Amino acid sequence: MTKAAGFIRKYMDSILFNRNLIIAGAGSFFASAYVSELYAQYDSNDLANSALALVVEYGIYIPVFAMLFYINNRSKYVDPATGRRDSRQIMQDIKKLFAAFSVSEVIYSVTKVAMQYWLLQAGNQPYEASMASSLIAWGVFFVAINSMAKLVKLFKHHQT
């Protein structure tokens, strides 16, 4: 039990980070599939459908993730000695998040649009193509974002 508790304590920031990604991603996943299906009823342009699905995902995913990340981390940006917000630490983490997400989101976007377009061209239903392409892109994204978070040392100052 103590090894497990130590592991959880050591990696709590990473665990919460990934939990936030999953929660934000789940909402955007279903919204994207729904919009993709609706769009297909009015236009048969598969590339436009794929791009719209991606825009909807980001429109939901980014604000939800940002809110959850803030809620989990707001106490870490307060200087215990003064009780004031540590703006320098906030800016450092924003830069690290930006770096990690920049690379990972490009990888996700290209994978998502390409897979959805290919699946639509193969004759799959729009909601099926959207969901399948999202799942594939999410798998690739999770590897990329966690690798980037480690590379930019996003949680280094929090973990022992």
Protein backbone atom coordinates (compact mmCIF):
# COMPACT_ATOMS: atom_id res chain seq x y z
CA MET A 1 0.00 0.00 0.00
CA THR A 2 2.76 2.50 0.78
CA LYS A 3 4.42 1.95 -2.63
CA ALA A 4 1.12 2.61 -4.39
CA ALA A 5 0.45 5.69 -2.26
CA GLY A 6 3.97 6.96 -2.94
CA PHE A 7 3.54 6.39 -6.66
CA ILE A 8 0.22 8.25 -6.70
CA ARG A 9 1.63 11.13 -4.65
CA LYS A 10 4.70 11.38 -6.89
CA TYR A 11 2.70 11.38 -10.12
CA MET A 12 -0.49 13.11 -8.96
CA ASP A 13 0.07 16.06 -11.31
CA SER A 14 0.44 13.74 -14.30
CA ILE A 15 -2.58 11.70 -13.24
CA LEU A 16 -4.76 14.81 -12.91
CA PHE A 17 -3.41 16.17 -16.20
CA ASN A 18 -4.39 12.98 -18.05
CA ARG A 19 -7.75 12.83 -16.27
CA ASN A 20 -8.47 16.38 -17.44
CA LEU A 21 -7.50 15.44 -20.99
CA ILE A 22 -9.88 12.48 -20.90
CA ILE A 23 -12.82 14.45 -19.46
CA ALA A 24 -12.39 17.30 -21.95
CA GLY A 25 -11.84 14.84 -24.77
CA ALA A 26 -14.96 12.82 -23.97
CA GLY A 27 -17.25 15.81 -24.31
CA SER A 28 -15.64 16.95 -27.53
CA PHE A 29 -15.66 13.39 -28.88
CA PHE A 30 -19.45 13.05 -28.75
CA ALA A 31 -20.15 16.61 -29.88
CA SER A 32 -17.88 16.15 -32.89
CA ALA A 33 -19.61 12.94 -33.93
CA TYR A 34 -23.03 14.57 -33.58
CA VAL A 35 -22.06 17.62 -35.64
CA SER A 36 -20.40 15.44 -38.27
CA GLU A 37 -23.61 13.47 -38.69
CA LEU A 38 -25.73 16.63 -38.88
CA TYR A 39 -23.40 18.25 -41.41
CA ALA A 40 -23.53 15.18 -43.65
CA GLN A 41 -27.29 15.63 -44.01
CA TYR A 42 -26.77 19.03 -45.66
CA ASP A 43 -23.48 18.68 -47.54
CA SER A 44 -21.56 15.73 -48.93
CA ASN A 45 -18.13 17.43 -48.84
CA ASP A 46 -16.07 14.96 -46.78
CA LEU A 47 -13.12 17.30 -46.29
CA ALA A 48 -15.37 20.09 -44.98
CA ASN A 49 -17.11 17.57 -42.71
CA SER A 50 -13.75 16.45 -41.32
CA ALA A 51 -12.57 20.01 -40.75
CA LEU A 52 -15.84 21.04 -39.07
CA ALA A 53 -15.65 18.02 -36.75
CA LEU A 54 -12.15 19.12 -35.74
CA VAL A 55 -13.27 22.71 -35.08
CA VAL A 56 -16.13 21.49 -32.88
CA GLU A 57 -13.76 19.24 -30.93
CA TYR A 58 -11.40 22.12 -30.22
CA GLY A 59 -14.26 24.48 -29.37
CA ILE A 60 -15.28 22.20 -26.53
CA TYR A 61 -12.00 20.53 -25.61
CA ILE A 62 -9.78 23.57 -25.05
CA PRO A 63 -12.05 25.55 -22.69
CA VAL A 64 -12.99 22.46 -20.66
CA PHE A 65 -9.36 21.35 -20.32
CA ALA A 66 -8.22 24.87 -19.38
CA MET A 67 -10.91 25.14 -16.69
CA LEU A 68 -10.09 21.72 -15.21
CA PHE A 69 -6.33 22.37 -15.29
CA TYR A 70 -6.85 25.69 -13.52
CA ILE A 71 -9.07 24.14 -10.85
CA ASN A 72 -6.49 21.41 -10.15
CA ASN A 73 -3.51 23.74 -10.05
CA ARG A 74 -4.67 27.12 -8.72
CA SER A 75 -3.23 26.52 -5.24
CA LYS A 76 0.21 25.69 -6.68
CA TYR A 77 0.60 29.23 -7.99
CA VAL A 78 0.33 30.94 -4.61
CA ASP A 79 3.52 31.89 -2.79
CA PRO A 80 3.13 30.35 0.70
CA ALA A 81 5.24 33.07 2.31
CA THR A 82 3.25 36.04 1.01
CA GLY A 83 -0.06 34.48 0.01
CA ARG A 84 0.21 36.26 -3.33
CA ARG A 85 -0.07 34.78 -6.78
CA ASP A 86 3.26 33.69 -8.28
CA SER A 87 2.94 35.16 -11.78
CA ARG A 88 6.39 33.95 -12.80
CA GLN A 89 5.47 30.32 -12.09
CA ILE A 90 2.14 30.71 -13.89
CA MET A 91 3.90 32.06 -16.99
CA GLN A 92 6.49 29.28 -16.91
CA ASP A 93 3.76 26.63 -16.82
CA ILE A 94 1.76 28.36 -19.56
CA LYS A 95 4.86 28.34 -21.79
CA LYS A 96 5.44 24.65 -21.03
CA LEU A 97 1.79 23.81 -21.72
CA PHE A 98 1.91 25.78 -24.96
CA ALA A 99 5.03 23.91 -26.08
CA ALA A 100 3.59 20.51 -25.16
CA PHE A 101 0.23 21.17 -26.77
CA SER A 102 1.60 22.83 -29.90
CA VAL A 103 3.38 19.73 -31.11
CA SER A 104 0.77 17.29 -29.83
CA GLU A 105 -2.19 19.16 -31.29
CA VAL A 106 -0.62 19.35 -34.75
CA ILE A 107 -0.12 15.59 -34.59
CA TYR A 108 -3.71 15.12 -33.40
CA SER A 109 -5.22 17.43 -36.03
CA VAL A 110 -3.43 15.86 -38.97
CA THR A 111 -4.25 12.34 -37.78
CA LYS A 112 -7.91 13.18 -37.05
CA VAL A 113 -8.68 14.94 -40.35
CA ALA A 114 -6.75 12.45 -42.48
CA MET A 115 -8.36 9.42 -40.81
CA GLN A 116 -11.87 10.86 -40.90
CA TYR A 117 -11.51 11.87 -44.54
CA TRP A 118 -10.21 8.40 -45.42
CA LEU A 119 -13.00 6.68 -43.48
CA LEU A 120 -15.67 8.87 -45.13
CA GLN A 121 -14.17 8.13 -48.55
CA ALA A 122 -14.31 4.42 -47.69
CA GLY A 123 -18.08 4.73 -47.22
CA ASN A 124 -18.39 4.83 -43.44
CA GLN A 125 -21.19 6.76 -41.78
CA PRO A 126 -20.11 10.27 -40.67
CA TYR A 127 -20.56 9.62 -36.93
CA GLU A 128 -18.63 6.34 -37.25
CA ALA A 129 -15.83 8.03 -39.17
CA SER A 130 -15.69 10.87 -36.65
CA MET A 131 -15.61 8.55 -33.64
CA ALA A 132 -13.08 6.12 -35.10
CA SER A 133 -10.78 8.89 -36.29
CA SER A 134 -11.01 10.61 -32.89
CA LEU A 135 -10.10 7.41 -31.05
CA ILE A 136 -7.12 6.76 -33.31
CA ALA A 137 -5.96 10.37 -33.09
CA TRP A 138 -6.43 10.36 -29.29
CA GLY A 139 -4.18 7.33 -28.95
CA VAL A 140 -1.44 9.06 -30.90
CA PHE A 141 -2.09 12.33 -29.05
CA PHE A 142 -1.77 10.77 -25.58
CA VAL A 143 1.65 9.38 -26.40
CA ALA A 144 2.71 12.73 -27.87
CA ILE A 145 1.34 14.97 -25.09
CA ASN A 146 2.78 12.88 -22.28
CA SER A 147 6.13 12.69 -24.04
CA MET A 148 6.12 16.45 -24.56
CA ALA A 149 5.04 17.14 -20.95
CA LYS A 150 8.00 15.07 -19.79
CA LEU A 151 10.35 16.72 -22.30
CA VAL A 152 9.43 20.27 -21.23
CA LYS A 153 9.42 19.19 -17.55
CA LEU A 154 5.87 20.41 -17.02
CA PHE A 155 5.57 18.74 -13.61
CA LYS A 156 9.22 18.79 -12.54
CA HIS A 157 8.74 21.52 -9.94
CA HIS A 158 5.83 19.63 -8.34
CA GLN A 159 7.21 16.09 -8.18
CA THR A 160 9.95 14.75 -5.93
